[in-house]
Amino acid sequence: MRIMDIIGTVTLSRCHPSLDSLVWKVAVPLTRDGLAGQASGREEPVVICDELGAGIGSRVAVSESAEAAAPFHPQTKPVDGYNAAILDQINL
C-alpha cells in the first residue's frame, strides 16, 4: 500500500463494460520526502479506481496489483490501483 495525493480526474468516452460504474482519479505516489512537503518526493502520476469519493487534494492510501482487484471479488475487474482509504492525518 502506498500513500498518494489526488491531482485530477479521468473521463472515459468508452470503457470495458465491467468498469462502467467506477470512478477514476489521477494520483501522485509520495515518498517520505513527499509526505514532508518536498517536491522531490513526488513520483510519476498513476490512475486509480476510487469508490470513496476522494477529491482533488485528498491524501489517500492505495492498494496495488492483485490487492487492488480484491474488493471486487468474485467479479473480475482489470484494476491496478484502488483507493482503500482517505487519510485525515499522517504523523512522521
PDB file of N, CA and C in Angstrom:
ATOM      1  N   MET A   1       0.847  -1.160   0.000  1.00  0.00           N
ATOM      2  CA  MET A   1       0.000   0.000   0.000  1.00  0.00           C
ATOM      3  C   MET A   1       0.900   1.232   0.000  1.00  0.00           C
ATOM      4  N   ARG A   2       0.530   2.230  -0.829  1.00  0.00           N
ATOM      5  CA  ARG A   2       1.290   3.470  -0.893  1.00  0.00           C
ATOM      6  C   ARG A   2       0.367   4.655  -0.628  1.00  0.00           C
ATOM      7  N   ILE A   3       0.961   5.724  -0.132  1.00  0.00           N
ATOM      8  CA  ILE A   3       0.216   6.953   0.117  1.00  0.00           C
ATOM      9  C   ILE A   3       0.364   7.851  -1.108  1.00  0.00           C
ATOM     10  N   MET A   4      -0.761   8.424  -1.550  1.00  0.00           N
ATOM     11  CA  MET A   4      -0.774   9.248  -2.754  1.00  0.00           C
ATOM     12  C   MET A   4      -1.640  10.487  -2.550  1.00  0.00           C
ATOM     13  N   ASP A   5      -1.370  11.516  -3.365  1.00  0.00           N
ATOM     14  CA  ASP A   5      -2.203  12.714  -3.432  1.00  0.00           C
ATOM     15  C   ASP A   5      -3.036  12.659  -4.699  1.00  0.00           C
ATOM     16  N   ILE A   6      -4.331  12.973  -4.603  1.00  0.00           N
ATOM     17  CA  ILE A   6      -5.200  13.046  -5.778  1.00  0.00           C
ATOM     18  C   ILE A   6      -4.950  14.391  -6.463  1.00  0.00           C
ATOM     19  N   ILE A   7      -4.645  14.345  -7.773  1.00  0.00           N
ATOM     20  CA  ILE A   7      -4.375  15.589  -8.505  1.00  0.00           C
ATOM     21  C   ILE A   7      -5.337  15.835  -9.662  1.00  0.00           C
ATOM     22  N   GLY A   8      -6.217  14.883  -9.956  1.00  0.00           N
ATOM     23  CA  GLY A   8      -7.142  15.090 -11.068  1.00  0.00           C
ATOM     24  C   GLY A   8      -8.109  13.934 -11.228  1.00  0.00           C
ATOM     25  N   THR A   9      -8.959  14.062 -12.224  1.00  0.00           N
ATOM     26  CA  THR A   9      -9.938  13.020 -12.537  1.00  0.00           C
ATOM     27  C   THR A   9      -9.729  12.544 -13.973  1.00  0.00           C
ATOM     28  N   VAL A  10     -10.287  11.382 -14.261  1.00  0.00           N
ATOM     29  CA  VAL A  10     -10.193  10.799 -15.594  1.00  0.00           C
ATOM     30  C   VAL A  10     -11.604  10.659 -16.139  1.00  0.00           C
ATOM     31  N   THR A  11     -11.803  11.081 -17.376  1.00  0.00           N
ATOM     32  CA  THR A  11     -13.089  10.928 -18.046  1.00  0.00           C
ATOM     33  C   THR A  11     -12.898   9.983 -19.219  1.00  0.00           C
ATOM     34  N   LEU A  12     -13.677   8.918 -19.257  1.00  0.00           N
ATOM     35  CA  LEU A  12     -13.580   7.937 -20.329  1.00  0.00           C
ATOM     36  C   LEU A  12     -14.760   8.082 -21.280  1.00  0.00           C
ATOM     37  N   SER A  13     -14.486   8.055 -22.562  1.00  0.00           N
ATOM     38  CA  SER A  13     -15.583   8.079 -23.524  1.00  0.00           C
ATOM     39  C   SER A  13     -16.098   6.662 -23.766  1.00  0.00           C
ATOM     40  N   ARG A  14     -15.199   5.668 -23.641  1.00  0.00           N
ATOM     41  CA  ARG A  14     -15.576   4.264 -23.763  1.00  0.00           C
ATOM     42  C   ARG A  14     -14.735   3.471 -22.781  1.00  0.00           C
ATOM     43  N   CYS A  15     -15.313   2.428 -22.227  1.00  0.00           N
ATOM     44  CA  CYS A  15     -14.550   1.561 -21.329  1.00  0.00           C
ATOM     45  C   CYS A  15     -15.115   0.150 -21.382  1.00  0.00           C
ATOM     46  N   HIS A  16     -14.366  -0.758 -20.803  1.00  0.00           N
ATOM     47  CA  HIS A  16     -14.823  -2.142 -20.712  1.00  0.00           C
ATOM     48  C   HIS A  16     -16.098  -2.177 -19.874  1.00  0.00           C
ATOM     49  N   PRO A  17     -17.095  -2.965 -20.261  1.00  0.00           N
ATOM     50  CA  PRO A  17     -18.361  -2.995 -19.516  1.00  0.00           C
ATOM     51  C   PRO A  17     -18.209  -3.275 -18.015  1.00  0.00           C
ATOM     52  N   SER A  18     -17.204  -4.030 -17.612  1.00  0.00           N
ATOM     53  CA  SER A  18     -17.033  -4.324 -16.186  1.00  0.00           C
ATOM     54  C   SER A  18     -16.579  -3.102 -15.390  1.00  0.00           C
ATOM     55  N   LEU A  19     -16.117  -2.057 -16.080  1.00  0.00           N
ATOM     56  CA  LEU A  19     -15.624  -0.841 -15.414  1.00  0.00           C
ATOM     57  C   LEU A  19     -16.624   0.305 -15.489  1.00  0.00           C
ATOM     58  N   ASP A  20     -17.798   0.039 -16.006  1.00  0.00           N
ATOM     59  CA  ASP A  20     -18.768   1.088 -16.315  1.00  0.00           C
ATOM     60  C   ASP A  20     -19.146   1.976 -15.141  1.00  0.00           C
ATOM     61  N   SER A  21     -19.278   1.448 -13.945  1.00  0.00           N
ATOM     62  CA  SER A  21     -19.766   2.239 -12.807  1.00  0.00           C
ATOM     63  C   SER A  21     -18.646   2.819 -11.944  1.00  0.00           C
ATOM     64  N   LEU A  22     -17.377   2.605 -12.313  1.00  0.00           N
ATOM     65  CA  LEU A  22     -16.261   3.036 -11.473  1.00  0.00           C
ATOM     66  C   LEU A  22     -15.826   4.461 -11.776  1.00  0.00           C
ATOM     67  N   VAL A  23     -15.260   5.117 -10.772  1.00  0.00           N
ATOM     68  CA  VAL A  23     -14.741   6.486 -10.908  1.00  0.00           C
ATOM     69  C   VAL A  23     -13.219   6.401 -10.887  1.00  0.00           C
ATOM     70  N   TRP A  24     -12.565   7.146 -11.766  1.00  0.00           N
ATOM     71  CA  TRP A  24     -11.113   7.088 -11.917  1.00  0.00           C
ATOM     72  C   TRP A  24     -10.482   8.417 -11.548  1.00  0.00           C
ATOM     73  N   LYS A  25      -9.381   8.367 -10.824  1.00  0.00           N
ATOM     74  CA  LYS A  25      -8.667   9.570 -10.391  1.00  0.00           C
ATOM     75  C   LYS A  25      -7.198   9.455 -10.776  1.00  0.00           C
ATOM     76  N   VAL A  26      -6.540  10.604 -10.945  1.00  0.00           N
ATOM     77  CA  VAL A  26      -5.105  10.652 -11.173  1.00  0.00           C
ATOM     78  C   VAL A  26      -4.464  10.956  -9.825  1.00  0.00           C
ATOM     79  N   ALA A  27      -3.491  10.119  -9.428  1.00  0.00           N
ATOM     80  CA  ALA A  27      -2.853  10.270  -8.124  1.00  0.00           C
ATOM     81  C   ALA A  27      -1.335  10.240  -8.271  1.00  0.00           C
ATOM     82  N   VAL A  28      -0.664  10.968  -7.374  1.00  0.00           N
ATOM     83  CA  VAL A  28       0.796  11.023  -7.356  1.00  0.00           C
ATOM     84  C   VAL A  28       1.297  10.274  -6.115  1.00  0.00           C
ATOM     85  N   PRO A  29       2.070   9.191  -6.318  1.00  0.00           N
ATOM     86  CA  PRO A  29       2.658   8.486  -5.176  1.00  0.00           C
ATOM     87  C   PRO A  29       3.676   9.370  -4.456  1.00  0.00           C
ATOM     88  N   LEU A  30       3.709   9.267  -3.130  1.00  0.00           N
ATOM     89  CA  LEU A  30       4.606  10.090  -2.322  1.00  0.00           C
ATOM     90  C   LEU A  30       5.626   9.226  -1.595  1.00  0.00           C
ATOM     91  N   THR A  31       6.871   9.682  -1.593  1.00  0.00           N
ATOM     92  CA  THR A  31       7.896   9.069  -0.760  1.00  0.00           C
ATOM     93  C   THR A  31       7.865   9.780   0.591  1.00  0.00           C
ATOM     94  N   ARG A  32       8.771   9.441   1.472  1.00  0.00           N
ATOM     95  CA  ARG A  32       8.844  10.125   2.775  1.00  0.00           C
ATOM     96  C   ARG A  32       9.075  11.620   2.585  1.00  0.00           C
ATOM     97  N   ASP A  33       9.940  11.990   1.616  1.00  0.00           N
ATOM     98  CA  ASP A  33      10.177  13.415   1.341  1.00  0.00           C
ATOM     99  C   ASP A  33       8.901  14.096   0.855  1.00  0.00           C
ATOM    100  N   GLY A  34       8.134  13.398   0.040  1.00  0.00           N
ATOM    101  CA  GLY A  34       6.865  13.946  -0.441  1.00  0.00           C
ATOM    102  C   GLY A  34       5.876  14.165   0.681  1.00  0.00           C
ATOM    103  N   LEU A  35       5.844  13.255   1.637  1.00  0.00           N
ATOM    104  CA  LEU A  35       4.964  13.411   2.798  1.00  0.00           C
ATOM    105  C   LEU A  35       5.383  14.599   3.645  1.00  0.00           C
ATOM    106  N   ALA A  36       6.680  14.928   3.600  1.00  0.00           N
ATOM    107  CA  ALA A  36       7.197  16.081   4.352  1.00  0.00           C
ATOM    108  C   ALA A  36       7.007  17.382   3.579  1.00  0.00           C
ATOM    109  N   GLY A  37       6.435  17.309   2.363  1.00  0.00           N
ATOM    110  CA  GLY A  37       6.142  18.516   1.601  1.00  0.00           C
ATOM    111  C   GLY A  37       7.168  18.895   0.554  1.00  0.00           C
ATOM    112  N   GLN A  38       8.159  18.056   0.320  1.00  0.00           N
ATOM    113  CA  GLN A  38       9.188  18.363  -0.670  1.00  0.00           C
ATOM    114  C   GLN A  38       8.761  17.863  -2.047  1.00  0.00           C
ATOM    115  N   ALA A  39       8.971  18.703  -3.073  1.00  0.00           N
ATOM    116  CA  ALA A  39       8.584  18.351  -4.437  1.00  0.00           C
ATOM    117  C   ALA A  39       9.362  17.157  -4.962  1.00  0.00           C
ATOM    118  N   SER A  40      10.570  16.946  -4.467  1.00  0.00           N
ATOM    119  CA  SER A  40      11.388  15.824  -4.937  1.00  0.00           C
ATOM    120  C   SER A  40      10.824  14.469  -4.501  1.00  0.00           C
ATOM    121  N   GLY A  41       9.882  14.463  -3.590  1.00  0.00           N
ATOM    122  CA  GLY A  41       9.289  13.227  -3.091  1.00  0.00           C
ATOM    123  C   GLY A  41       8.023  12.824  -3.802  1.00  0.00           C
ATOM    124  N   ARG A  42       7.744  13.450  -4.943  1.00  0.00           N
ATOM    125  CA  ARG A  42       6.542  13.121  -5.717  1.00  0.00           C
ATOM    126  C   ARG A  42       6.962  12.303  -6.934  1.00  0.00           C
ATOM    127  N   GLU A  43       6.341  11.150  -7.131  1.00  0.00           N
ATOM    128  CA  GLU A  43       6.690  10.256  -8.224  1.00  0.00           C
ATOM    129  C   GLU A  43       5.763  10.485  -9.425  1.00  0.00           C
ATOM    130  N   GLU A  44       5.883   9.633 -10.424  1.00  0.00           N
ATOM    131  CA  GLU A  44       5.090   9.752 -11.646  1.00  0.00           C
ATOM    132  C   GLU A  44       3.615   9.448 -11.359  1.00  0.00           C
ATOM    133  N   PRO A  45       2.692  10.270 -11.870  1.00  0.00           N
ATOM    134  CA  PRO A  45       1.254  10.061 -11.613  1.00  0.00           C
ATOM    135  C   PRO A  45       0.753   8.725 -12.162  1.00  0.00           C
ATOM    136  N   VAL A  46      -0.258   8.178 -11.483  1.00  0.00           N
ATOM    137  CA  VAL A  46      -0.907   6.932 -11.893  1.00  0.00           C
ATOM    138  C   VAL A  46      -2.419   7.125 -11.839  1.00  0.00           C
ATOM    139  N   VAL A  47      -3.145   6.246 -12.513  1.00  0.00           N
ATOM    140  CA  VAL A  47      -4.609   6.275 -12.493  1.00  0.00           C
ATOM    141  C   VAL A  47      -5.084   5.192 -11.532  1.00  0.00           C
ATOM    142  N   ILE A  48      -6.004   5.568 -10.633  1.00  0.00           N
ATOM    143  CA  ILE A  48      -6.536   4.628  -9.643  1.00  0.00           C
ATOM    144  C   ILE A  48      -8.060   4.628  -9.679  1.00  0.00           C
ATOM    145  N   CYS A  49      -8.635   3.567  -9.185  1.00  0.00           N
ATOM    146  CA  CYS A  49     -10.084   3.453  -9.027  1.00  0.00           C
ATOM    147  C   CYS A  49     -10.457   4.033  -7.660  1.00  0.00           C
ATOM    148  N   ASP A  50     -11.508   4.852  -7.636  1.00  0.00           N
ATOM    149  CA  ASP A  50     -11.907   5.488  -6.372  1.00  0.00           C
ATOM    150  C   ASP A  50     -13.404   5.335  -6.156  1.00  0.00           C
ATOM    151  N   GLU A  51     -13.790   4.506  -5.205  1.00  0.00           N
ATOM    152  CA  GLU A  51     -15.204   4.355  -4.833  1.00  0.00           C
ATOM    153  C   GLU A  51     -15.545   5.142  -3.576  1.00  0.00           C
ATOM    154  N   LEU A  52     -14.555   5.799  -2.968  1.00  0.00           N
ATOM    155  CA  LEU A  52     -14.775   6.502  -1.705  1.00  0.00           C
ATOM    156  C   LEU A  52     -15.089   7.984  -1.880  1.00  0.00           C
ATOM    157  N   GLY A  53     -14.891   8.519  -3.068  1.00  0.00           N
ATOM    158  CA  GLY A  53     -15.227   9.919  -3.324  1.00  0.00           C
ATOM    159  C   GLY A  53     -14.149  10.909  -2.931  1.00  0.00           C
ATOM    160  N   ALA A  54     -12.895  10.538  -3.050  1.00  0.00           N
ATOM    161  CA  ALA A  54     -11.803  11.463  -2.730  1.00  0.00           C
ATOM    162  C   ALA A  54     -11.790  12.618  -3.735  1.00  0.00           C
ATOM    163  N   GLY A  55     -11.548  13.811  -3.224  1.00  0.00           N
ATOM    164  CA  GLY A  55     -11.491  14.982  -4.087  1.00  0.00           C
ATOM    165  C   GLY A  55     -10.063  15.359  -4.410  1.00  0.00           C
ATOM    166  N   ILE A  56      -9.922  16.298  -5.325  1.00  0.00           N
ATOM    167  CA  ILE A  56      -8.596  16.787  -5.679  1.00  0.00           C
ATOM    168  C   ILE A  56      -7.958  17.395  -4.437  1.00  0.00           C
ATOM    169  N   GLY A  57      -6.707  17.011  -4.172  1.00  0.00           N
ATOM    170  CA  GLY A  57      -6.000  17.460  -2.976  1.00  0.00           C
ATOM    171  C   GLY A  57      -6.089  16.500  -1.813  1.00  0.00           C
ATOM    172  N   SER A  58      -6.922  15.472  -1.927  1.00  0.00           N
ATOM    173  CA  SER A  58      -7.038  14.480  -0.852  1.00  0.00           C
ATOM    174  C   SER A  58      -5.808  13.591  -0.828  1.00  0.00           C
ATOM    175  N   ARG A  59      -5.441  13.156   0.356  1.00  0.00           N
ATOM    176  CA  ARG A  59      -4.354  12.194   0.532  1.00  0.00           C
ATOM    177  C   ARG A  59      -5.007  10.846   0.790  1.00  0.00           C
ATOM    178  N   VAL A  60      -4.596   9.829   0.016  1.00  0.00           N
ATOM    179  CA  VAL A  60      -5.247   8.530   0.070  1.00  0.00           C
ATOM    180  C   VAL A  60      -4.229   7.402   0.222  1.00  0.00           C
ATOM    181  N   ALA A  61      -4.698   6.252   0.713  1.00  0.00           N
ATOM    182  CA  ALA A  61      -3.904   5.027   0.775  1.00  0.00           C
ATOM    183  C   ALA A  61      -4.371   4.140  -0.366  1.00  0.00           C
ATOM    184  N   VAL A  62      -3.439   3.729  -1.212  1.00  0.00           N
ATOM    185  CA  VAL A  62      -3.781   3.000  -2.428  1.00  0.00           C
ATOM    186  C   VAL A  62      -3.175   1.597  -2.394  1.00  0.00           C
ATOM    187  N   SER A  63      -4.031   0.599  -2.614  1.00  0.00           N
ATOM    188  CA  SER A  63      -3.531  -0.766  -2.774  1.00  0.00           C
ATOM    189  C   SER A  63      -3.297  -0.993  -4.266  1.00  0.00           C
ATOM    190  N   GLU A  64      -2.284  -1.799  -4.566  1.00  0.00           N
ATOM    191  CA  GLU A  64      -1.909  -2.003  -5.960  1.00  0.00           C
ATOM    192  C   GLU A  64      -1.809  -3.490  -6.284  1.00  0.00           C
ATOM    193  N   SER A  65      -1.750  -3.786  -7.567  1.00  0.00           N
ATOM    194  CA  SER A  65      -1.563  -5.131  -8.082  1.00  0.00           C
ATOM    195  C   SER A  65      -2.779  -6.005  -7.749  1.00  0.00           C
ATOM    196  N   ALA A  66      -2.549  -7.244  -7.331  1.00  0.00           N
ATOM    197  CA  ALA A  66      -3.663  -8.160  -7.070  1.00  0.00           C
ATOM    198  C   ALA A  66      -4.573  -7.660  -5.959  1.00  0.00           C
ATOM    199  N   GLU A  67      -4.006  -6.964  -4.970  1.00  0.00           N
ATOM    200  CA  GLU A  67      -4.811  -6.440  -3.864  1.00  0.00           C
ATOM    201  C   GLU A  67      -5.798  -5.371  -4.344  1.00  0.00           C
ATOM    202  N   ALA A  68      -5.498  -4.695  -5.440  1.00  0.00           N
ATOM    203  CA  ALA A  68      -6.392  -3.666  -5.961  1.00  0.00           C
ATOM    204  C   ALA A  68      -7.684  -4.262  -6.501  1.00  0.00           C
ATOM    205  N   ALA A  69      -7.624  -5.470  -7.003  1.00  0.00           N
ATOM    206  CA  ALA A  69      -8.820  -6.120  -7.541  1.00  0.00           C
ATOM    207  C   ALA A  69      -9.607  -6.875  -6.473  1.00  0.00           C
ATOM    208  N   ALA A  70      -9.025  -7.079  -5.290  1.00  0.00           N
ATOM    209  CA  ALA A  70      -9.671  -7.858  -4.229  1.00  0.00           C
ATOM    210  C   ALA A  70     -11.043  -7.325  -3.798  1.00  0.00           C
ATOM    211  N   PRO A  71     -11.267  -5.982  -3.721  1.00  0.00           N
ATOM    212  CA  PRO A  71     -12.591  -5.516  -3.280  1.00  0.00           C
ATOM    213  C   PRO A  71     -13.737  -5.923  -4.212  1.00  0.00           C
ATOM    214  N   PHE A  72     -13.423  -6.343  -5.418  1.00  0.00           N
ATOM    215  CA  PHE A  72     -14.456  -6.682  -6.398  1.00  0.00           C
ATOM    216  C   PHE A  72     -14.723  -8.189  -6.476  1.00  0.00           C
ATOM    217  N   HIS A  73     -14.001  -8.985  -5.683  1.00  0.00           N
ATOM    218  CA  HIS A  73     -14.144 -10.441  -5.714  1.00  0.00           C
ATOM    219  C   HIS A  73     -15.580 -10.838  -5.404  1.00  0.00           C
ATOM    220  N   PRO A  74     -16.224 -11.716  -6.063  1.00  0.00           N
ATOM    221  CA  PRO A  74     -15.729 -12.678  -7.040  1.00  0.00           C
ATOM    222  C   PRO A  74     -15.726 -12.161  -8.482  1.00  0.00           C
ATOM    223  N   GLN A  75     -16.163 -10.936  -8.720  1.00  0.00           N
ATOM    224  CA  GLN A  75     -16.089 -10.386 -10.075  1.00  0.00           C
ATOM    225  C   GLN A  75     -14.631 -10.145 -10.447  1.00  0.00           C
ATOM    226  N   THR A  76     -14.360 -10.143 -11.739  1.00  0.00           N
ATOM    227  CA  THR A  76     -13.023  -9.856 -12.229  1.00  0.00           C
ATOM    228  C   THR A  76     -13.025  -8.482 -12.876  1.00  0.00           C
ATOM    229  N   LYS A  77     -12.174  -7.589 -12.390  1.00  0.00           N
ATOM    230  CA  LYS A  77     -12.057  -6.248 -12.963  1.00  0.00           C
ATOM    231  C   LYS A  77     -10.579  -5.947 -13.186  1.00  0.00           C
ATOM    232  N   PRO A  78     -10.240  -5.386 -14.353  1.00  0.00           N
ATOM    233  CA  PRO A  78      -8.839  -5.066 -14.646  1.00  0.00           C
ATOM    234  C   PRO A  78      -8.416  -3.759 -13.975  1.00  0.00           C
ATOM    235  N   VAL A  79      -8.125  -3.816 -12.682  1.00  0.00           N
ATOM    236  CA  VAL A  79      -7.779  -2.639 -11.892  1.00  0.00           C
ATOM    237  C   VAL A  79      -6.366  -2.817 -11.339  1.00  0.00           C
ATOM    238  N   ASP A  80      -5.511  -1.793 -11.505  1.00  0.00           N
ATOM    239  CA  ASP A  80      -4.142  -1.853 -10.987  1.00  0.00           C
ATOM    240  C   ASP A  80      -3.947  -1.052  -9.705  1.00  0.00           C
ATOM    241  N   GLY A  81      -4.822  -0.079  -9.439  1.00  0.00           N
ATOM    242  CA  GLY A  81      -4.715   0.724  -8.229  1.00  0.00           C
ATOM    243  C   GLY A  81      -6.098   1.024  -7.679  1.00  0.00           C
ATOM    244  N   TYR A  82      -6.279   0.866  -6.358  1.00  0.00           N
ATOM    245  CA  TYR A  82      -7.587   1.050  -5.725  1.00  0.00           C
ATOM    246  C   TYR A  82      -7.440   1.915  -4.479  1.00  0.00           C
ATOM    247  N   ASN A  83      -8.239   2.972  -4.390  1.00  0.00           N
ATOM    248  CA  ASN A  83      -8.234   3.841  -3.216  1.00  0.00           C
ATOM    249  C   ASN A  83      -8.887   3.091  -2.060  1.00  0.00           C
ATOM    250  N   ALA A  84      -8.067   2.664  -1.098  1.00  0.00           N
ATOM    251  CA  ALA A  84      -8.559   1.893   0.033  1.00  0.00           C
ATOM    252  C   ALA A  84      -8.957   2.753   1.219  1.00  0.00           C
ATOM    253  N   ALA A  85      -8.438   4.001   1.291  1.00  0.00           N
ATOM    254  CA  ALA A  85      -8.738   4.863   2.447  1.00  0.00           C
ATOM    255  C   ALA A  85      -8.419   6.306   2.111  1.00  0.00           C
ATOM    256  N   ILE A  86      -9.226   7.227   2.643  1.00  0.00           N
ATOM    257  CA  ILE A  86      -8.931   8.650   2.589  1.00  0.00           C
ATOM    258  C   ILE A  86      -8.297   8.998   3.931  1.00  0.00           C
ATOM    259  N   LEU A  87      -7.103   9.571   3.901  1.00  0.00           N
ATOM    260  CA  LEU A  87      -6.354   9.828   5.119  1.00  0.00           C
ATOM    261  C   LEU A  87      -6.585  11.253   5.628  1.00  0.00           C
ATOM    262  N   ASP A  88      -6.920  11.380   6.903  1.00  0.00           N
ATOM    263  CA  ASP A  88      -7.127  12.680   7.523  1.00  0.00           C
ATOM    264  C   ASP A  88      -5.828  13.287   8.027  1.00  0.00           C
ATOM    265  N   GLN A  89      -4.946  12.422   8.537  1.00  0.00           N
ATOM    266  CA  GLN A  89      -3.733  12.920   9.190  1.00  0.00           C
ATOM    267  C   GLN A  89      -2.639  11.874   9.086  1.00  0.00           C
ATOM    268  N   ILE A  90      -1.397  12.352   8.900  1.00  0.00           N
ATOM    269  CA  ILE A  90      -0.234  11.475   8.882  1.00  0.00           C
ATOM    270  C   ILE A  90       0.813  12.071   9.809  1.00  0.00           C
ATOM    271  N   ASN A  91       1.330  11.278  10.731  1.00  0.00           N
ATOM    272  CA  ASN A  91       2.389  11.718  11.633  1.00  0.00           C
ATOM    273  C   ASN A  91       3.692  11.067  11.221  1.00  0.00           C
ATOM    274  N   LEU A  92       4.703  11.881  10.900  1.00  0.00           N
ATOM    275  CA  LEU A  92       6.023  11.342  10.517  1.00  0.00           C
ATOM    276  C   LEU A  92       6.927  11.291  11.726  1.00  0.00           C
TER     277      LEU A  92
END
